[in-house]
Amino acid sequence: VQLQASGGGLVQTGGSLRLSCAASGRTFNTYGMGWFRQTPGKEREFVAAIRRGGGDTYYADSVKGRFAISRDNAKNTVYLQMNNLKPEDTAVYYCAAVWSSQSITVVSAWAYWGQGTLVTVSS
């Protein structure tokens, strides 16, 4: 599976951004997708995930109520709508694909990763 993330940028506090991640190489609706983020000197952290059918979604407590993950299986794309952004949301955001039976919040549970897209939230 190849993943290409896009949509990052600079936004003010309270603003919104939508990240996209286009997947290829395997039938898209057969695997779950997720988003993680990472800041310098810190470990990559779980943000959100969505099952292959799109019916079940999962979020980190820090983004619940502000972020929404969705997927369009016809376009082989997963999205992360980020609203009410805060400076602490500043990070490189990575999309991930195909999680194993481990907890979805664990980096090692995911088999494939995109290249990352930078989100900067100014105060």
PDB file of N, CA and C in Angstrom:
ATOM      1  N   VAL A   1       0.843  -1.183   0.000  1.00  0.00           N
ATOM      2  CA  VAL A   1       0.000   0.000   0.000  1.00  0.00           C
ATOM      3  C   VAL A   1       0.886   1.243   0.000  1.00  0.00           C
ATOM      4  N   GLN A   2       0.571   2.164  -0.900  1.00  0.00           N
ATOM      5  CA  GLN A   2       1.272   3.442  -0.937  1.00  0.00           C
ATOM      6  C   GLN A   2       0.311   4.535  -0.492  1.00  0.00           C
ATOM      7  N   LEU A   3       0.815   5.435   0.328  1.00  0.00           N
ATOM      8  CA  LEU A   3      -0.019   6.491   0.897  1.00  0.00           C
ATOM      9  C   LEU A   3       0.584   7.851   0.600  1.00  0.00           C
ATOM     10  N   GLN A   4      -0.261   8.791   0.205  1.00  0.00           N
ATOM     11  CA  GLN A   4       0.178  10.148  -0.098  1.00  0.00           C
ATOM     12  C   GLN A   4      -0.708  11.124   0.654  1.00  0.00           C
ATOM     13  N   ALA A   5      -0.127  11.760   1.675  1.00  0.00           N
ATOM     14  CA  ALA A   5      -0.876  12.724   2.489  1.00  0.00           C
ATOM     15  C   ALA A   5      -0.705  14.129   1.934  1.00  0.00           C
ATOM     16  N   SER A   6      -1.738  14.940   2.121  1.00  0.00           N
ATOM     17  CA  SER A   6      -1.694  16.331   1.681  1.00  0.00           C
ATOM     18  C   SER A   6      -2.680  17.154   2.501  1.00  0.00           C
ATOM     19  N   GLY A   7      -2.587  18.478   2.345  1.00  0.00           N
ATOM     20  CA  GLY A   7      -3.551  19.357   2.975  1.00  0.00           C
ATOM     21  C   GLY A   7      -3.040  20.143   4.168  1.00  0.00           C
ATOM     22  N   GLY A   8      -1.815  19.886   4.581  1.00  0.00           N
ATOM     23  CA  GLY A   8      -1.271  20.637   5.694  1.00  0.00           C
ATOM     24  C   GLY A   8      -1.020  22.081   5.333  1.00  0.00           C
ATOM     25  N   GLY A   9      -0.740  22.889   6.350  1.00  0.00           N
ATOM     26  CA  GLY A   9      -0.467  24.292   6.113  1.00  0.00           C
ATOM     27  C   GLY A   9      -0.452  25.075   7.390  1.00  0.00           C
ATOM     28  N   LEU A  10      -0.468  26.399   7.244  1.00  0.00           N
ATOM     29  CA  LEU A  10      -0.453  27.318   8.383  1.00  0.00           C
ATOM     30  C   LEU A  10      -1.861  27.862   8.591  1.00  0.00           C
ATOM     31  N   VAL A  11      -2.330  27.808   9.826  1.00  0.00           N
ATOM     32  CA  VAL A  11      -3.668  28.283  10.146  1.00  0.00           C
ATOM     33  C   VAL A  11      -3.632  28.947  11.514  1.00  0.00           C
ATOM     34  N   GLN A  12      -4.519  29.876  11.728  1.00  0.00           N
ATOM     35  CA  GLN A  12      -4.589  30.539  13.035  1.00  0.00           C
ATOM     36  C   GLN A  12      -5.390  29.706  14.019  1.00  0.00           C
ATOM     37  N   THR A  13      -5.183  29.970  15.279  1.00  0.00           N
ATOM     38  CA  THR A  13      -5.957  29.314  16.330  1.00  0.00           C
ATOM     39  C   THR A  13      -7.449  29.489  16.067  1.00  0.00           C
ATOM     40  N   GLY A  14      -8.180  28.382  16.190  1.00  0.00           N
ATOM     41  CA  GLY A  14      -9.609  28.413  15.925  1.00  0.00           C
ATOM     42  C   GLY A  14      -9.981  28.093  14.490  1.00  0.00           C
ATOM     43  N   GLY A  15      -8.994  28.024  13.635  1.00  0.00           N
ATOM     44  CA  GLY A  15      -9.243  27.757  12.223  1.00  0.00           C
ATOM     45  C   GLY A  15      -9.429  26.275  11.941  1.00  0.00           C
ATOM     46  N   SER A  16      -9.588  25.974  10.648  1.00  0.00           N
ATOM     47  CA  SER A  16      -9.833  24.601  10.209  1.00  0.00           C
ATOM     48  C   SER A  16      -8.921  24.218   9.056  1.00  0.00           C
ATOM     49  N   LEU A  17      -8.662  22.945   8.972  1.00  0.00           N
ATOM     50  CA  LEU A  17      -7.926  22.369   7.837  1.00  0.00           C
ATOM     51  C   LEU A  17      -8.500  20.988   7.572  1.00  0.00           C
ATOM     52  N   ARG A  18      -8.401  20.548   6.340  1.00  0.00           N
ATOM     53  CA  ARG A  18      -8.770  19.176   6.013  1.00  0.00           C
ATOM     54  C   ARG A  18      -7.583  18.481   5.369  1.00  0.00           C
ATOM     55  N   LEU A  19      -7.147  17.422   6.009  1.00  0.00           N
ATOM     56  CA  LEU A  19      -6.072  16.602   5.455  1.00  0.00           C
ATOM     57  C   LEU A  19      -6.668  15.487   4.615  1.00  0.00           C
ATOM     58  N   SER A  20      -5.932  15.106   3.580  1.00  0.00           N
ATOM     59  CA  SER A  20      -6.334  13.995   2.733  1.00  0.00           C
ATOM     60  C   SER A  20      -5.192  12.997   2.653  1.00  0.00           C
ATOM     61  N   CYS A  21      -5.547  11.756   2.451  1.00  0.00           N
ATOM     62  CA  CYS A  21      -4.535  10.722   2.250  1.00  0.00           C
ATOM     63  C   CYS A  21      -5.049   9.774   1.170  1.00  0.00           C
ATOM     64  N   ALA A  22      -4.379   9.776   0.054  1.00  0.00           N
ATOM     65  CA  ALA A  22      -4.755   8.916  -1.066  1.00  0.00           C
ATOM     66  C   ALA A  22      -3.971   7.614  -0.996  1.00  0.00           C
ATOM     67  N   ALA A  23      -4.672   6.509  -1.153  1.00  0.00           N
ATOM     68  CA  ALA A  23      -4.047   5.195  -1.045  1.00  0.00           C
ATOM     69  C   ALA A  23      -4.072   4.474  -2.388  1.00  0.00           C
ATOM     70  N   SER A  24      -3.096   3.624  -2.597  1.00  0.00           N
ATOM     71  CA  SER A  24      -3.044   2.810  -3.807  1.00  0.00           C
ATOM     72  C   SER A  24      -2.325   1.513  -3.491  1.00  0.00           C
ATOM     73  N   GLY A  25      -2.503   0.540  -4.350  1.00  0.00           N
ATOM     74  CA  GLY A  25      -1.751  -0.700  -4.246  1.00  0.00           C
ATOM     75  C   GLY A  25      -2.493  -1.873  -3.655  1.00  0.00           C
ATOM     76  N   ARG A  26      -3.651  -1.636  -3.103  1.00  0.00           N
ATOM     77  CA  ARG A  26      -4.442  -2.716  -2.515  1.00  0.00           C
ATOM     78  C   ARG A  26      -5.876  -2.225  -2.450  1.00  0.00           C
ATOM     79  N   THR A  27      -6.816  -3.147  -2.552  1.00  0.00           N
ATOM     80  CA  THR A  27      -8.224  -2.747  -2.535  1.00  0.00           C
ATOM     81  C   THR A  27      -8.524  -1.955  -1.272  1.00  0.00           C
ATOM     82  N   PHE A  28      -8.911  -0.695  -1.463  1.00  0.00           N
ATOM     83  CA  PHE A  28      -8.977   0.254  -0.351  1.00  0.00           C
ATOM     84  C   PHE A  28      -9.984  -0.144   0.712  1.00  0.00           C
ATOM     85  N   ASN A  29     -11.101  -0.704   0.310  1.00  0.00           N
ATOM     86  CA  ASN A  29     -12.142  -0.969   1.298  1.00  0.00           C
ATOM     87  C   ASN A  29     -11.922  -2.262   2.070  1.00  0.00           C
ATOM     88  N   THR A  30     -10.720  -2.795   2.021  1.00  0.00           N
ATOM     89  CA  THR A  30     -10.408  -4.010   2.776  1.00  0.00           C
ATOM     90  C   THR A  30      -9.574  -3.743   4.023  1.00  0.00           C
ATOM     91  N   TYR A  31      -9.257  -2.499   4.285  1.00  0.00           N
ATOM     92  CA  TYR A  31      -8.418  -2.234   5.455  1.00  0.00           C
ATOM     93  C   TYR A  31      -8.765  -0.908   6.118  1.00  0.00           C
ATOM     94  N   GLY A  32      -8.427  -0.842   7.412  1.00  0.00           N
ATOM     95  CA  GLY A  32      -8.650   0.384   8.159  1.00  0.00           C
ATOM     96  C   GLY A  32      -7.571   1.410   7.886  1.00  0.00           C
ATOM     97  N   MET A  33      -7.910   2.665   8.200  1.00  0.00           N
ATOM     98  CA  MET A  33      -6.994   3.776   7.990  1.00  0.00           C
ATOM     99  C   MET A  33      -6.926   4.607   9.258  1.00  0.00           C
ATOM    100  N   GLY A  34      -5.814   5.317   9.414  1.00  0.00           N
ATOM    101  CA  GLY A  34      -5.672   6.144  10.599  1.00  0.00           C
ATOM    102  C   GLY A  34      -4.791   7.351  10.372  1.00  0.00           C
ATOM    103  N   TRP A  35      -4.796   8.219  11.373  1.00  0.00           N
ATOM    104  CA  TRP A  35      -3.926   9.394  11.383  1.00  0.00           C
ATOM    105  C   TRP A  35      -3.169   9.442  12.707  1.00  0.00           C
ATOM    106  N   PHE A  36      -1.916   9.759  12.613  1.00  0.00           N
ATOM    107  CA  PHE A  36      -1.046   9.990  13.759  1.00  0.00           C
ATOM    108  C   PHE A  36      -0.398  11.357  13.573  1.00  0.00           C
ATOM    109  N   ARG A  37       0.233  11.857  14.627  1.00  0.00           N
ATOM    110  CA  ARG A  37       0.977  13.096  14.512  1.00  0.00           C
ATOM    111  C   ARG A  37       2.221  13.031  15.378  1.00  0.00           C
ATOM    112  N   GLN A  38       3.183  13.877  15.016  1.00  0.00           N
ATOM    113  CA  GLN A  38       4.450  13.859  15.733  1.00  0.00           C
ATOM    114  C   GLN A  38       5.064  15.241  15.732  1.00  0.00           C
ATOM    115  N   THR A  39       5.597  15.627  16.894  1.00  0.00           N
ATOM    116  CA  THR A  39       6.349  16.865  17.033  1.00  0.00           C
ATOM    117  C   THR A  39       7.791  16.513  17.364  1.00  0.00           C
ATOM    118  N   PRO A  40       8.728  17.426  17.105  1.00  0.00           N
ATOM    119  CA  PRO A  40      10.144  17.122  17.343  1.00  0.00           C
ATOM    120  C   PRO A  40      10.408  16.699  18.776  1.00  0.00           C
ATOM    121  N   GLY A  41      11.132  15.620  18.928  1.00  0.00           N
ATOM    122  CA  GLY A  41      11.509  15.142  20.247  1.00  0.00           C
ATOM    123  C   GLY A  41      10.461  14.309  20.947  1.00  0.00           C
ATOM    124  N   LYS A  42       9.318  14.134  20.306  1.00  0.00           N
ATOM    125  CA  LYS A  42       8.253  13.347  20.923  1.00  0.00           C
ATOM    126  C   LYS A  42       7.916  12.130  20.069  1.00  0.00           C
ATOM    127  N   GLU A  43       7.292  11.156  20.696  1.00  0.00           N
ATOM    128  CA  GLU A  43       6.879   9.974  19.963  1.00  0.00           C
ATOM    129  C   GLU A  43       5.641  10.287  19.114  1.00  0.00           C
ATOM    130  N   ARG A  44       5.512   9.503  18.066  1.00  0.00           N
ATOM    131  CA  ARG A  44       4.335   9.642  17.227  1.00  0.00           C
ATOM    132  C   ARG A  44       3.105   9.228  18.031  1.00  0.00           C
ATOM    133  N   GLU A  45       2.042  10.029  17.947  1.00  0.00           N
ATOM    134  CA  GLU A  45       0.863   9.744  18.755  1.00  0.00           C
ATOM    135  C   GLU A  45      -0.374   9.547  17.884  1.00  0.00           C
ATOM    136  N   PHE A  46      -1.253   8.709  18.364  1.00  0.00           N
ATOM    137  CA  PHE A  46      -2.490   8.397  17.673  1.00  0.00           C
ATOM    138  C   PHE A  46      -3.424   9.606  17.682  1.00  0.00           C
ATOM    139  N   VAL A  47      -4.095   9.804  16.547  1.00  0.00           N
ATOM    140  CA  VAL A  47      -5.072  10.883  16.448  1.00  0.00           C
ATOM    141  C   VAL A  47      -6.463  10.311  16.190  1.00  0.00           C
ATOM    142  N   ALA A  48      -6.600   9.516  15.137  1.00  0.00           N
ATOM    143  CA  ALA A  48      -7.920   9.001  14.766  1.00  0.00           C
ATOM    144  C   ALA A  48      -7.762   7.784  13.868  1.00  0.00           C
ATOM    145  N   ALA A  49      -8.817   6.962  13.827  1.00  0.00           N
ATOM    146  CA  ALA A  49      -8.811   5.793  12.948  1.00  0.00           C
ATOM    147  C   ALA A  49     -10.232   5.500  12.501  1.00  0.00           C
ATOM    148  N   ILE A  50     -10.321   4.788  11.390  1.00  0.00           N
ATOM    149  CA  ILE A  50     -11.625   4.442  10.834  1.00  0.00           C
ATOM    150  C   ILE A  50     -11.537   3.041  10.239  1.00  0.00           C
ATOM    151  N   ARG A  51     -12.564   2.254  10.500  1.00  0.00           N
ATOM    152  CA  ARG A  51     -12.589   0.900   9.969  1.00  0.00           C
ATOM    153  C   ARG A  51     -12.866   0.909   8.463  1.00  0.00           C
ATOM    154  N   ARG A  52     -12.669  -0.232   7.842  1.00  0.00           N
ATOM    155  CA  ARG A  52     -12.714  -0.301   6.386  1.00  0.00           C
ATOM    156  C   ARG A  52     -14.060   0.099   5.813  1.00  0.00           C
ATOM    157  N   GLY A  53     -15.145  -0.170   6.533  1.00  0.00           N
ATOM    158  CA  GLY A  53     -16.457   0.181   6.035  1.00  0.00           C
ATOM    159  C   GLY A  53     -16.851   1.611   6.349  1.00  0.00           C
ATOM    160  N   GLY A  54     -16.089   2.248   7.228  1.00  0.00           N
ATOM    161  CA  GLY A  54     -16.366   3.624   7.599  1.00  0.00           C
ATOM    162  C   GLY A  54     -17.357   3.782   8.730  1.00  0.00           C
ATOM    163  N   GLY A  55     -17.902   2.681   9.228  1.00  0.00           N
ATOM    164  CA  GLY A  55     -18.933   2.787  10.245  1.00  0.00           C
ATOM    165  C   GLY A  55     -18.410   3.024  11.644  1.00  0.00           C
ATOM    166  N   ASP A  56     -17.196   2.654  11.923  1.00  0.00           N
ATOM    167  CA  ASP A  56     -16.609   2.799  13.255  1.00  0.00           C
ATOM    168  C   ASP A  56     -15.406   3.722  13.185  1.00  0.00           C
ATOM    169  N   THR A  57     -15.425   4.718  14.055  1.00  0.00           N
ATOM    170  CA  THR A  57     -14.322   5.664  14.132  1.00  0.00           C
ATOM    171  C   THR A  57     -13.813   5.752  15.567  1.00  0.00           C
ATOM    172  N   TYR A  58     -12.573   6.153  15.715  1.00  0.00           N
ATOM    173  CA  TYR A  58     -11.919   6.210  17.012  1.00  0.00           C
ATOM    174  C   TYR A  58     -11.074   7.474  17.062  1.00  0.00           C
ATOM    175  N   TYR A  59     -11.025   8.095  18.244  1.00  0.00           N
ATOM    176  CA  TYR A  59     -10.306   9.356  18.386  1.00  0.00           C
ATOM    177  C   TYR A  59      -9.502   9.403  19.676  1.00  0.00           C
ATOM    178  N   ALA A  60      -8.393  10.113  19.622  1.00  0.00           N
ATOM    179  CA  ALA A  60      -7.682  10.453  20.842  1.00  0.00           C
ATOM    180  C   ALA A  60      -8.526  11.449  21.623  1.00  0.00           C
ATOM    181  N   ASP A  61      -8.435  11.400  22.931  1.00  0.00           N
ATOM    182  CA  ASP A  61      -9.227  12.307  23.766  1.00  0.00           C
ATOM    183  C   ASP A  61      -8.936  13.762  23.437  1.00  0.00           C
ATOM    184  N   SER A  62      -7.703  14.047  23.056  1.00  0.00           N
ATOM    185  CA  SER A  62      -7.295  15.431  22.822  1.00  0.00           C
ATOM    186  C   SER A  62      -7.957  16.058  21.596  1.00  0.00           C
ATOM    187  N   VAL A  63      -8.521  15.242  20.714  1.00  0.00           N
ATOM    188  CA  VAL A  63      -9.120  15.787  19.490  1.00  0.00           C
ATOM    189  C   VAL A  63     -10.610  15.499  19.378  1.00  0.00           C
ATOM    190  N   LYS A  64     -11.160  14.743  20.312  1.00  0.00           N
ATOM    191  CA  LYS A  64     -12.590  14.424  20.261  1.00  0.00           C
ATOM    192  C   LYS A  64     -13.428  15.685  20.249  1.00  0.00           C
ATOM    193  N   GLY A  65     -14.401  15.690  19.356  1.00  0.00           N
ATOM    194  CA  GLY A  65     -15.275  16.847  19.252  1.00  0.00           C
ATOM    195  C   GLY A  65     -14.746  17.939  18.348  1.00  0.00           C
ATOM    196  N   ARG A  66     -13.478  17.851  17.956  1.00  0.00           N
ATOM    197  CA  ARG A  66     -12.887  18.867  17.071  1.00  0.00           C
ATOM    198  C   ARG A  66     -12.468  18.281  15.720  1.00  0.00           C
ATOM    199  N   PHE A  67     -12.031  17.053  15.726  1.00  0.00           N
ATOM    200  CA  PHE A  67     -11.555  16.388  14.496  1.00  0.00           C
ATOM    201  C   PHE A  67     -12.562  15.326  14.078  1.00  0.00           C
ATOM    202  N   ALA A  68     -12.620  15.079  12.777  1.00  0.00           N
ATOM    203  CA  ALA A  68     -13.486  14.031  12.251  1.00  0.00           C
ATOM    204  C   ALA A  68     -12.764  13.289  11.131  1.00  0.00           C
ATOM    205  N   ILE A  69     -12.700  11.982  11.268  1.00  0.00           N
ATOM    206  CA  ILE A  69     -12.090  11.153  10.228  1.00  0.00           C
ATOM    207  C   ILE A  69     -13.203  10.563   9.365  1.00  0.00           C
ATOM    208  N   SER A  70     -12.955  10.503   8.076  1.00  0.00           N
ATOM    209  CA  SER A  70     -13.916   9.916   7.158  1.00  0.00           C
ATOM    210  C   SER A  70     -13.158   9.296   5.992  1.00  0.00           C
ATOM    211  N   ARG A  71     -13.869   8.535   5.212  1.00  0.00           N
ATOM    212  CA  ARG A  71     -13.222   7.917   4.062  1.00  0.00           C
ATOM    213  C   ARG A  71     -14.187   7.849   2.887  1.00  0.00           C
ATOM    214  N   ASP A  72     -13.632   7.927   1.705  1.00  0.00           N
ATOM    215  CA  ASP A  72     -14.399   7.774   0.473  1.00  0.00           C
ATOM    216  C   ASP A  72     -13.788   6.583  -0.258  1.00  0.00           C
ATOM    217  N   ASN A  73     -14.433   5.449  -0.144  1.00  0.00           N
ATOM    218  CA  ASN A  73     -13.862   4.240  -0.732  1.00  0.00           C
ATOM    219  C   ASN A  73     -13.856   4.281  -2.258  1.00  0.00           C
ATOM    220  N   ALA A  74     -14.709   5.089  -2.839  1.00  0.00           N
ATOM    221  CA  ALA A  74     -14.715   5.232  -4.295  1.00  0.00           C
ATOM    222  C   ALA A  74     -13.496   6.012  -4.786  1.00  0.00           C
ATOM    223  N   LYS A  75     -12.953   6.868  -3.912  1.00  0.00           N
ATOM    224  CA  LYS A  75     -11.794   7.692  -4.273  1.00  0.00           C
ATOM    225  C   LYS A  75     -10.511   7.193  -3.620  1.00  0.00           C
ATOM    226  N   ASN A  76     -10.596   6.101  -2.885  1.00  0.00           N
ATOM    227  CA  ASN A  76      -9.415   5.544  -2.203  1.00  0.00           C
ATOM    228  C   ASN A  76      -8.738   6.589  -1.318  1.00  0.00           C
ATOM    229  N   THR A  77      -9.547   7.354  -0.616  1.00  0.00           N
ATOM    230  CA  THR A  77      -9.007   8.470   0.154  1.00  0.00           C
ATOM    231  C   THR A  77      -9.628   8.518   1.547  1.00  0.00           C
ATOM    232  N   VAL A  78      -8.785   8.837   2.517  1.00  0.00           N
ATOM    233  CA  VAL A  78      -9.248   9.084   3.875  1.00  0.00           C
ATOM    234  C   VAL A  78      -8.991  10.556   4.189  1.00  0.00           C
ATOM    235  N   TYR A  79      -9.871  11.134   4.977  1.00  0.00           N
ATOM    236  CA  TYR A  79      -9.789  12.552   5.307  1.00  0.00           C
ATOM    237  C   TYR A  79      -9.705  12.740   6.823  1.00  0.00           C
ATOM    238  N   LEU A  80      -9.130  13.853   7.209  1.00  0.00           N
ATOM    239  CA  LEU A  80      -9.167  14.281   8.599  1.00  0.00           C
ATOM    240  C   LEU A  80      -9.566  15.741   8.615  1.00  0.00           C
ATOM    241  N   GLN A  81     -10.814  15.987   8.980  1.00  0.00           N
ATOM    242  CA  GLN A  81     -11.306  17.358   9.122  1.00  0.00           C
ATOM    243  C   GLN A  81     -10.941  17.850  10.509  1.00  0.00           C
ATOM    244  N   MET A  82     -10.188  18.941  10.559  1.00  0.00           N
ATOM    245  CA  MET A  82      -9.713  19.469  11.838  1.00  0.00           C
ATOM    246  C   MET A  82     -10.305  20.855  12.047  1.00  0.00           C
ATOM    247  N   ASN A  83     -11.113  20.981  13.079  1.00  0.00           N
ATOM    248  CA  ASN A  83     -11.763  22.249  13.404  1.00  0.00           C
ATOM    249  C   ASN A  83     -11.285  22.763  14.749  1.00  0.00           C
ATOM    250  N   ASN A  84     -11.498  24.041  14.970  1.00  0.00           N
ATOM    251  CA  ASN A  84     -11.114  24.662  16.240  1.00  0.00           C
ATOM    252  C   ASN A  84      -9.674  24.296  16.611  1.00  0.00           C
ATOM    253  N   LEU A  85      -8.787  24.497  15.687  1.00  0.00           N
ATOM    254  CA  LEU A  85      -7.396  24.108  15.884  1.00  0.00           C
ATOM    255  C   LEU A  85      -6.721  24.940  16.963  1.00  0.00           C
ATOM    256  N   LYS A  86      -5.826  24.283  17.675  1.00  0.00           N
ATOM    257  CA  LYS A  86      -5.092  24.909  18.768  1.00  0.00           C
ATOM    258  C   LYS A  86      -3.593  24.831  18.483  1.00  0.00           C
ATOM    259  N   PRO A  87      -2.797  25.701  19.084  1.00  0.00           N
ATOM    260  CA  PRO A  87      -1.343  25.625  18.857  1.00  0.00           C
ATOM    261  C   PRO A  87      -0.758  24.254  19.175  1.00  0.00           C
ATOM    262  N   GLU A  88      -1.321  23.570  20.158  1.00  0.00           N
ATOM    263  CA  GLU A  88      -0.812  22.240  20.506  1.00  0.00           C
ATOM    264  C   GLU A  88      -1.135  21.173  19.466  1.00  0.00           C
ATOM    265  N   ASP A  89      -1.927  21.515  18.464  1.00  0.00           N
ATOM    266  CA  ASP A  89      -2.165  20.599  17.350  1.00  0.00           C
ATOM    267  C   ASP A  89      -1.052  20.680  16.305  1.00  0.00           C
ATOM    268  N   THR A  90      -0.160  21.636  16.455  1.00  0.00           N
ATOM    269  CA  THR A  90       0.958  21.763  15.518  1.00  0.00           C
ATOM    270  C   THR A  90       1.804  20.500  15.533  1.00  0.00           C
ATOM    271  N   ALA A  91       1.990  19.917  14.346  1.00  0.00           N
ATOM    272  CA  ALA A  91       2.725  18.653  14.241  1.00  0.00           C
ATOM    273  C   ALA A  91       2.816  18.255  12.775  1.00  0.00           C
ATOM    274  N   VAL A  92       3.621  17.252  12.518  1.00  0.00           N
ATOM    275  CA  VAL A  92       3.562  16.568  11.231  1.00  0.00           C
ATOM    276  C   VAL A  92       2.539  15.456  11.368  1.00  0.00           C
ATOM    277  N   TYR A  93       1.587  15.443  10.462  1.00  0.00           N
ATOM    278  CA  TYR A  93       0.514  14.452  10.504  1.00  0.00           C
ATOM    279  C   TYR A  93       0.799  13.361   9.474  1.00  0.00           C
ATOM    280  N   TYR A  94       0.672  12.125   9.924  1.00  0.00           N
ATOM    281  CA  TYR A  94       0.935  10.966   9.082  1.00  0.00           C
ATOM    282  C   TYR A  94      -0.333  10.128   8.939  1.00  0.00           C
ATOM    283  N   CYS A  95      -0.600   9.675   7.739  1.00  0.00           N
ATOM    284  CA  CYS A  95      -1.666   8.692   7.592  1.00  0.00           C
ATOM    285  C   CYS A  95      -1.059   7.299   7.631  1.00  0.00           C
ATOM    286  N   ALA A  96      -1.862   6.365   8.073  1.00  0.00           N
ATOM    287  CA  ALA A  96      -1.415   4.984   8.227  1.00  0.00           C
ATOM    288  C   ALA A  96      -2.506   4.052   7.723  1.00  0.00           C
ATOM    289  N   ALA A  97      -2.073   2.864   7.323  1.00  0.00           N
ATOM    290  CA  ALA A  97      -3.029   1.896   6.789  1.00  0.00           C
ATOM    291  C   ALA A  97      -2.752   0.511   7.339  1.00  0.00           C
ATOM    292  N   VAL A  98      -3.812  -0.245   7.436  1.00  0.00           N
ATOM    293  CA  VAL A  98      -3.773  -1.673   7.791  1.00  0.00           C
ATOM    294  C   VAL A  98      -3.294  -1.886   9.215  1.00  0.00           C
ATOM    295  N   TRP A  99      -4.210  -1.898  10.139  1.00  0.00           N
ATOM    296  CA  TRP A  99      -3.792  -2.174  11.504  1.00  0.00           C
ATOM    297  C   TRP A  99      -4.005  -3.642  11.854  1.00  0.00           C
ATOM    298  N   SER A 100      -3.188  -4.106  12.764  1.00  0.00           N
ATOM    299  CA  SER A 100      -3.218  -5.500  13.179  1.00  0.00           C
ATOM    300  C   SER A 100      -4.148  -5.634  14.377  1.00  0.00           C
ATOM    301  N   SER A 101      -4.059  -6.744  15.051  1.00  0.00           N
ATOM    302  CA  SER A 101      -4.920  -6.987  16.198  1.00  0.00           C
ATOM    303  C   SER A 101      -4.477  -6.226  17.441  1.00  0.00           C
ATOM    304  N   GLN A 102      -3.336  -5.545  17.356  1.00  0.00           N
ATOM    305  CA  GLN A 102      -2.904  -4.722  18.484  1.00  0.00           C
ATOM    306  C   GLN A 102      -3.813  -3.513  18.611  1.00  0.00           C
ATOM    307  N   SER A 103      -3.642  -2.787  19.679  1.00  0.00           N
ATOM    308  CA  SER A 103      -4.386  -1.552  19.862  1.00  0.00           C
ATOM    309  C   SER A 103      -4.101  -0.590  18.714  1.00  0.00           C
ATOM    310  N   ILE A 104      -5.132   0.056  18.229  1.00  0.00           N
ATOM    311  CA  ILE A 104      -4.970   0.966  17.092  1.00  0.00           C
ATOM    312  C   ILE A 104      -4.168   2.200  17.458  1.00  0.00           C
ATOM    313  N   THR A 105      -3.967   2.441  18.737  1.00  0.00           N
ATOM    314  CA  THR A 105      -3.194   3.607  19.142  1.00  0.00           C
ATOM    315  C   THR A 105      -1.703   3.355  19.124  1.00  0.00           C
ATOM    316  N   VAL A 106      -1.306   2.122  18.868  1.00  0.00           N
ATOM    317  CA  VAL A 106       0.103   1.743  18.892  1.00  0.00           C
ATOM    318  C   VAL A 106       0.685   1.848  17.486  1.00  0.00           C
ATOM    319  N   VAL A 107       1.791   2.550  17.367  1.00  0.00           N
ATOM    320  CA  VAL A 107       2.420   2.751  16.062  1.00  0.00           C
ATOM    321  C   VAL A 107       2.733   1.420  15.391  1.00  0.00           C
ATOM    322  N   SER A 108       3.226   0.469  16.150  1.00  0.00           N
ATOM    323  CA  SER A 108       3.647  -0.811  15.585  1.00  0.00           C
ATOM    324  C   SER A 108       2.483  -1.641  15.061  1.00  0.00           C
ATOM    325  N   ALA A 109       1.256  -1.251  15.368  1.00  0.00           N
ATOM    326  CA  ALA A 109       0.089  -1.985  14.888  1.00  0.00           C
ATOM    327  C   ALA A 109      -0.215  -1.698  13.422  1.00  0.00           C
ATOM    328  N   TRP A 110       0.398  -0.662  12.880  1.00  0.00           N
ATOM    329  CA  TRP A 110       0.094  -0.215  11.522  1.00  0.00           C
ATOM    330  C   TRP A 110       1.201  -0.629  10.561  1.00  0.00           C
ATOM    331  N   ALA A 111       0.794  -1.125   9.384  1.00  0.00           N
ATOM    332  CA  ALA A 111       1.751  -1.706   8.448  1.00  0.00           C
ATOM    333  C   ALA A 111       2.327  -0.699   7.459  1.00  0.00           C
ATOM    334  N   TYR A 112       1.560   0.318   7.114  1.00  0.00           N
ATOM    335  CA  TYR A 112       1.994   1.244   6.058  1.00  0.00           C
ATOM    336  C   TYR A 112       1.822   2.685   6.513  1.00  0.00           C
ATOM    337  N   TRP A 113       2.734   3.544   6.048  1.00  0.00           N
ATOM    338  CA  TRP A 113       2.738   4.951   6.452  1.00  0.00           C
ATOM    339  C   TRP A 113       2.945   5.860   5.252  1.00  0.00           C
ATOM    340  N   GLY A 114       2.283   7.014   5.321  1.00  0.00           N
ATOM    341  CA  GLY A 114       2.524   8.052   4.336  1.00  0.00           C
ATOM    342  C   GLY A 114       3.715   8.899   4.752  1.00  0.00           C
ATOM    343  N   GLN A 115       4.003   9.917   3.956  1.00  0.00           N
ATOM    344  CA  GLN A 115       5.207  10.708   4.166  1.00  0.00           C
ATOM    345  C   GLN A 115       5.030  11.843   5.165  1.00  0.00           C
ATOM    346  N   GLY A 116       3.823  12.169   5.555  1.00  0.00           N
ATOM    347  CA  GLY A 116       3.606  13.239   6.514  1.00  0.00           C
ATOM    348  C   GLY A 116       3.310  14.570   5.867  1.00  0.00           C
ATOM    349  N   THR A 117       2.470  15.352   6.515  1.00  0.00           N
ATOM    350  CA  THR A 117       2.158  16.702   6.066  1.00  0.00           C
ATOM    351  C   THR A 117       2.141  17.610   7.298  1.00  0.00           C
ATOM    352  N   LEU A 118       2.769  18.767   7.184  1.00  0.00           N
ATOM    353  CA  LEU A 118       2.971  19.643   8.336  1.00  0.00           C
ATOM    354  C   LEU A 118       1.764  20.550   8.549  1.00  0.00           C
ATOM    355  N   VAL A 119       1.284  20.560   9.784  1.00  0.00           N
ATOM    356  CA  VAL A 119       0.219  21.466  10.209  1.00  0.00           C
ATOM    357  C   VAL A 119       0.794  22.399  11.269  1.00  0.00           C
ATOM    358  N   THR A 120       0.678  23.695  11.022  1.00  0.00           N
ATOM    359  CA  THR A 120       1.161  24.684  11.967  1.00  0.00           C
ATOM    360  C   THR A 120       0.013  25.584  12.363  1.00  0.00           C
ATOM    361  N   VAL A 121      -0.238  25.663  13.673  1.00  0.00           N
ATOM    362  CA  VAL A 121      -1.324  26.495  14.185  1.00  0.00           C
ATOM    363  C   VAL A 121      -0.702  27.651  14.954  1.00  0.00           C
ATOM    364  N   SER A 122      -0.927  28.853  14.485  1.00  0.00           N
ATOM    365  CA  SER A 122      -0.335  30.021  15.127  1.00  0.00           C
ATOM    366  C   SER A 122      -1.282  30.568  16.186  1.00  0.00           C
ATOM    367  N   SER A 123      -0.686  31.117  17.240  1.00  0.00           N
ATOM    368  CA  SER A 123      -1.503  31.653  18.339  1.00  0.00           C
ATOM    369  C   SER A 123      -1.798  33.126  18.134  1.00  0.00           C
TER     370      SER A 123
END
